[in-house]
Amino acid sequence: MTAKTRTVHRDDEELQRLYNRLSRIEGQLRGIRKMLDEDAYCTDVVTQVSAAQAALGSFSRELLARHIRRCVVSDIKAGNSDAVDDLIDTLQKLMK
């Protein structure tokens, strides 16, 4: 038996915001690679890694907030209480 693939529609404005954030994160990662190529000082690289991690965390929080407001609320209103368990599982993964 295969797992059901879930999808969600995102409007163009939301997609663009998410793509813009990911593009900035990709740029940060390329910058870290360049720092390594240029033998940058360790603590400078660590600082940039920390900034990239913070940017990913911010991306995740924005995505999760939208998920709660749209998907979870909609599922609960439709009587699907499994959405709460799914949300708890997701939060536990994020908190590792």
N, C-alpha and C. Protein backbone atom coordinates (compact mmCIF):
# COMPACT_ATOMS: atom_id res chain seq x y z
N MET A 1 0.84 -1.18 0.00
CA MET A 1 0.00 0.00 0.00
C MET A 1 0.89 1.25 0.00
N THR A 2 0.61 2.20 -0.84
CA THR A 2 1.41 3.42 -0.92
C THR A 2 0.77 4.51 -0.08
N ALA A 3 1.61 5.39 0.42
CA ALA A 3 1.12 6.50 1.24
C ALA A 3 0.44 7.52 0.35
N LYS A 4 -0.62 8.10 0.86
CA LYS A 4 -1.35 9.14 0.13
C LYS A 4 -0.52 10.43 0.12
N THR A 5 -0.35 11.00 -1.04
CA THR A 5 0.38 12.25 -1.16
C THR A 5 -0.58 13.40 -0.91
N ARG A 6 -0.21 14.24 0.05
CA ARG A 6 -1.06 15.39 0.36
C ARG A 6 -0.51 16.61 -0.37
N THR A 7 -1.38 17.47 -0.78
CA THR A 7 -0.99 18.70 -1.45
C THR A 7 -1.78 19.86 -0.88
N VAL A 8 -1.30 21.06 -1.14
CA VAL A 8 -2.02 22.27 -0.75
C VAL A 8 -1.77 23.33 -1.83
N HIS A 9 -2.79 24.07 -2.13
CA HIS A 9 -2.63 25.16 -3.10
C HIS A 9 -2.13 26.40 -2.38
N ARG A 10 -1.10 27.01 -2.93
CA ARG A 10 -0.57 28.27 -2.41
C ARG A 10 -0.77 29.33 -3.48
N ASP A 11 -1.24 30.49 -3.06
CA ASP A 11 -1.44 31.55 -4.05
C ASP A 11 -0.09 32.10 -4.51
N ASP A 12 -0.13 32.84 -5.59
CA ASP A 12 1.11 33.34 -6.20
C ASP A 12 1.93 34.22 -5.25
N GLU A 13 1.25 35.02 -4.44
CA GLU A 13 1.95 35.91 -3.51
C GLU A 13 2.70 35.10 -2.45
N GLU A 14 2.03 34.09 -1.91
CA GLU A 14 2.68 33.26 -0.90
C GLU A 14 3.86 32.50 -1.50
N LEU A 15 3.65 31.93 -2.68
CA LEU A 15 4.73 31.20 -3.34
C LEU A 15 5.94 32.11 -3.58
N GLN A 16 5.68 33.32 -4.04
CA GLN A 16 6.78 34.24 -4.32
C GLN A 16 7.55 34.57 -3.05
N ARG A 17 6.82 34.80 -1.93
CA ARG A 17 7.49 35.08 -0.65
C ARG A 17 8.37 33.91 -0.23
N LEU A 18 7.84 32.69 -0.36
CA LEU A 18 8.61 31.51 0.03
C LEU A 18 9.81 31.32 -0.89
N TYR A 19 9.61 31.48 -2.19
CA TYR A 19 10.73 31.36 -3.14
C TYR A 19 11.80 32.40 -2.85
N ASN A 20 11.39 33.63 -2.53
CA ASN A 20 12.37 34.68 -2.23
C ASN A 20 13.20 34.31 -1.00
N ARG A 21 12.55 33.79 0.03
CA ARG A 21 13.27 33.38 1.22
C ARG A 21 14.26 32.26 0.90
N LEU A 22 13.80 31.28 0.12
CA LEU A 22 14.69 30.17 -0.24
C LEU A 22 15.86 30.65 -1.08
N SER A 23 15.62 31.59 -1.96
CA SER A 23 16.72 32.13 -2.77
C SER A 23 17.77 32.80 -1.90
N ARG A 24 17.32 33.53 -0.88
CA ARG A 24 18.28 34.16 0.04
C ARG A 24 19.07 33.11 0.80
N ILE A 25 18.38 32.05 1.23
CA ILE A 25 19.06 30.97 1.96
C ILE A 25 20.08 30.28 1.04
N GLU A 26 19.69 30.03 -0.20
CA GLU A 26 20.62 29.42 -1.16
C GLU A 26 21.84 30.31 -1.33
N GLY A 27 21.62 31.62 -1.39
CA GLY A 27 22.73 32.56 -1.50
C GLY A 27 23.65 32.49 -0.29
N GLN A 28 23.05 32.37 0.89
CA GLN A 28 23.87 32.24 2.10
C GLN A 28 24.71 30.97 2.04
N LEU A 29 24.12 29.87 1.59
CA LEU A 29 24.87 28.61 1.51
C LEU A 29 25.99 28.70 0.48
N ARG A 30 25.72 29.34 -0.64
CA ARG A 30 26.79 29.53 -1.63
C ARG A 30 27.90 30.40 -1.05
N GLY A 31 27.51 31.39 -0.25
CA GLY A 31 28.50 32.25 0.40
C GLY A 31 29.37 31.47 1.37
N ILE A 32 28.78 30.53 2.08
CA ILE A 32 29.55 29.70 3.00
C ILE A 32 30.54 28.83 2.22
N ARG A 33 30.09 28.26 1.11
CA ARG A 33 30.99 27.46 0.28
C ARG A 33 32.16 28.32 -0.22
N LYS A 34 31.85 29.54 -0.63
CA LYS A 34 32.90 30.45 -1.11
C LYS A 34 33.89 30.77 0.01
N MET A 35 33.35 30.96 1.22
CA MET A 35 34.24 31.23 2.36
C MET A 35 35.20 30.07 2.58
N LEU A 36 34.71 28.85 2.45
CA LEU A 36 35.58 27.68 2.59
C LEU A 36 36.63 27.65 1.49
N ASP A 37 36.19 27.94 0.26
CA ASP A 37 37.11 27.97 -0.87
C ASP A 37 38.22 29.00 -0.67
N GLU A 38 37.87 30.09 0.03
CA GLU A 38 38.82 31.19 0.24
C GLU A 38 39.52 31.09 1.60
N ASP A 39 39.42 29.92 2.25
CA ASP A 39 40.09 29.69 3.53
C ASP A 39 39.72 30.72 4.60
N ALA A 40 38.45 31.06 4.66
CA ALA A 40 37.98 32.03 5.66
C ALA A 40 38.21 31.47 7.07
N TYR A 41 38.35 32.37 7.99
CA TYR A 41 38.58 32.02 9.39
C TYR A 41 37.37 31.25 9.93
N CYS A 42 37.64 30.24 10.74
CA CYS A 42 36.60 29.30 11.21
C CYS A 42 35.41 30.00 11.85
N THR A 43 35.67 30.94 12.75
CA THR A 43 34.54 31.58 13.44
C THR A 43 33.70 32.42 12.49
N ASP A 44 34.31 32.95 11.44
CA ASP A 44 33.55 33.69 10.44
C ASP A 44 32.60 32.75 9.70
N VAL A 45 33.08 31.55 9.38
CA VAL A 45 32.24 30.56 8.71
C VAL A 45 31.12 30.13 9.63
N VAL A 46 31.44 29.85 10.88
CA VAL A 46 30.43 29.43 11.86
C VAL A 46 29.35 30.50 12.01
N THR A 47 29.76 31.75 12.00
CA THR A 47 28.79 32.85 12.10
C THR A 47 27.83 32.83 10.92
N GLN A 48 28.35 32.58 9.73
CA GLN A 48 27.50 32.53 8.55
C GLN A 48 26.59 31.29 8.56
N VAL A 49 27.11 30.18 9.06
CA VAL A 49 26.29 28.97 9.19
C VAL A 49 25.13 29.24 10.15
N SER A 50 25.43 29.92 11.24
CA SER A 50 24.39 30.27 12.21
C SER A 50 23.32 31.15 11.56
N ALA A 51 23.72 32.09 10.74
CA ALA A 51 22.77 32.96 10.05
C ALA A 51 21.90 32.15 9.09
N ALA A 52 22.49 31.19 8.39
CA ALA A 52 21.73 30.35 7.46
C ALA A 52 20.74 29.47 8.23
N GLN A 53 21.17 28.95 9.36
CA GLN A 53 20.26 28.14 10.19
C GLN A 53 19.09 28.98 10.69
N ALA A 54 19.37 30.21 11.08
CA ALA A 54 18.30 31.10 11.54
C ALA A 54 17.32 31.40 10.41
N ALA A 55 17.85 31.58 9.20
CA ALA A 55 16.99 31.85 8.05
C ALA A 55 16.11 30.64 7.74
N LEU A 56 16.66 29.43 7.83
CA LEU A 56 15.86 28.23 7.63
C LEU A 56 14.80 28.09 8.71
N GLY A 57 15.16 28.41 9.94
CA GLY A 57 14.19 28.37 11.03
C GLY A 57 13.05 29.34 10.80
N SER A 58 13.38 30.52 10.34
CA SER A 58 12.37 31.53 10.04
C SER A 58 11.45 31.05 8.92
N PHE A 59 12.04 30.44 7.90
CA PHE A 59 11.26 29.87 6.80
C PHE A 59 10.28 28.82 7.32
N SER A 60 10.78 27.93 8.17
CA SER A 60 9.94 26.86 8.73
C SER A 60 8.81 27.43 9.58
N ARG A 61 9.11 28.44 10.39
CA ARG A 61 8.08 29.03 11.25
C ARG A 61 6.99 29.70 10.41
N GLU A 62 7.38 30.39 9.35
CA GLU A 62 6.38 31.03 8.48
C GLU A 62 5.50 29.97 7.82
N LEU A 63 6.13 28.93 7.31
CA LEU A 63 5.38 27.87 6.65
C LEU A 63 4.45 27.17 7.65
N LEU A 64 4.93 26.91 8.85
CA LEU A 64 4.11 26.26 9.87
C LEU A 64 2.93 27.14 10.28
N ALA A 65 3.17 28.42 10.45
CA ALA A 65 2.08 29.33 10.81
C ALA A 65 0.99 29.33 9.76
N ARG A 66 1.38 29.36 8.51
CA ARG A 66 0.39 29.31 7.43
C ARG A 66 -0.33 27.97 7.42
N HIS A 67 0.39 26.91 7.70
CA HIS A 67 -0.21 25.57 7.75
C HIS A 67 -1.28 25.52 8.85
N ILE A 68 -0.95 26.04 10.01
CA ILE A 68 -1.92 26.03 11.12
C ILE A 68 -3.14 26.85 10.76
N ARG A 69 -2.92 28.05 10.26
CA ARG A 69 -4.04 28.95 9.95
C ARG A 69 -4.94 28.40 8.84
N ARG A 70 -4.35 27.74 7.88
CA ARG A 70 -5.13 27.30 6.72
C ARG A 70 -5.52 25.83 6.85
N CYS A 71 -4.56 24.96 6.87
CA CYS A 71 -4.83 23.51 6.78
C CYS A 71 -5.41 22.94 8.06
N VAL A 72 -4.76 23.22 9.19
CA VAL A 72 -5.21 22.63 10.45
C VAL A 72 -6.59 23.15 10.81
N VAL A 73 -6.79 24.45 10.74
CA VAL A 73 -8.10 25.02 11.07
C VAL A 73 -9.18 24.44 10.16
N SER A 74 -8.88 24.37 8.88
CA SER A 74 -9.84 23.81 7.92
C SER A 74 -10.18 22.36 8.24
N ASP A 75 -9.16 21.56 8.55
CA ASP A 75 -9.40 20.16 8.87
C ASP A 75 -10.23 20.00 10.15
N ILE A 76 -9.93 20.80 11.15
CA ILE A 76 -10.67 20.71 12.41
C ILE A 76 -12.13 21.10 12.17
N LYS A 77 -12.36 22.17 11.41
CA LYS A 77 -13.73 22.58 11.10
C LYS A 77 -14.48 21.49 10.35
N ALA A 78 -13.74 20.71 9.54
CA ALA A 78 -14.36 19.63 8.77
C ALA A 78 -14.50 18.35 9.60
N GLY A 79 -14.09 18.41 10.86
CA GLY A 79 -14.24 17.26 11.73
C GLY A 79 -13.07 16.29 11.72
N ASN A 80 -11.97 16.67 11.10
CA ASN A 80 -10.80 15.80 11.02
C ASN A 80 -9.85 16.12 12.18
N SER A 81 -10.05 15.45 13.29
CA SER A 81 -9.21 15.71 14.46
C SER A 81 -7.82 15.12 14.32
N ASP A 82 -7.59 14.28 13.29
CA ASP A 82 -6.24 13.76 13.02
C ASP A 82 -5.26 14.88 12.71
N ALA A 83 -5.79 16.03 12.28
CA ALA A 83 -4.94 17.17 11.97
C ALA A 83 -4.15 17.62 13.20
N VAL A 84 -4.75 17.48 14.37
CA VAL A 84 -4.06 17.87 15.60
C VAL A 84 -2.87 16.94 15.86
N ASP A 85 -3.08 15.63 15.68
CA ASP A 85 -1.98 14.68 15.86
C ASP A 85 -0.87 14.94 14.85
N ASP A 86 -1.24 15.25 13.62
CA ASP A 86 -0.26 15.56 12.58
C ASP A 86 0.53 16.81 12.96
N LEU A 87 -0.16 17.81 13.48
CA LEU A 87 0.51 19.04 13.91
C LEU A 87 1.48 18.76 15.06
N ILE A 88 1.06 17.97 16.01
CA ILE A 88 1.93 17.61 17.14
C ILE A 88 3.17 16.89 16.64
N ASP A 89 3.00 15.94 15.72
CA ASP A 89 4.15 15.23 15.14
C ASP A 89 5.10 16.20 14.45
N THR A 90 4.54 17.14 13.71
CA THR A 90 5.35 18.12 13.00
C THR A 90 6.13 18.99 13.99
N LEU A 91 5.46 19.46 15.04
CA LEU A 91 6.13 20.28 16.05
C LEU A 91 7.26 19.50 16.74
N GLN A 92 7.02 18.24 17.01
CA GLN A 92 8.06 17.43 17.66
C GLN A 92 9.28 17.29 16.74
N LYS A 93 9.06 17.14 15.45
CA LYS A 93 10.17 17.06 14.50
C LYS A 93 10.96 18.36 14.49
N LEU A 94 10.25 19.48 14.54
CA LEU A 94 10.92 20.79 14.50
C LEU A 94 11.71 21.07 15.77
N MET A 95 11.30 20.47 16.87
CA MET A 95 11.93 20.75 18.16
C MET A 95 13.11 19.86 18.46
N LYS A 96 13.46 18.96 17.58
CA LYS A 96 14.61 18.06 17.82
C LYS A 96 15.89 18.83 17.85
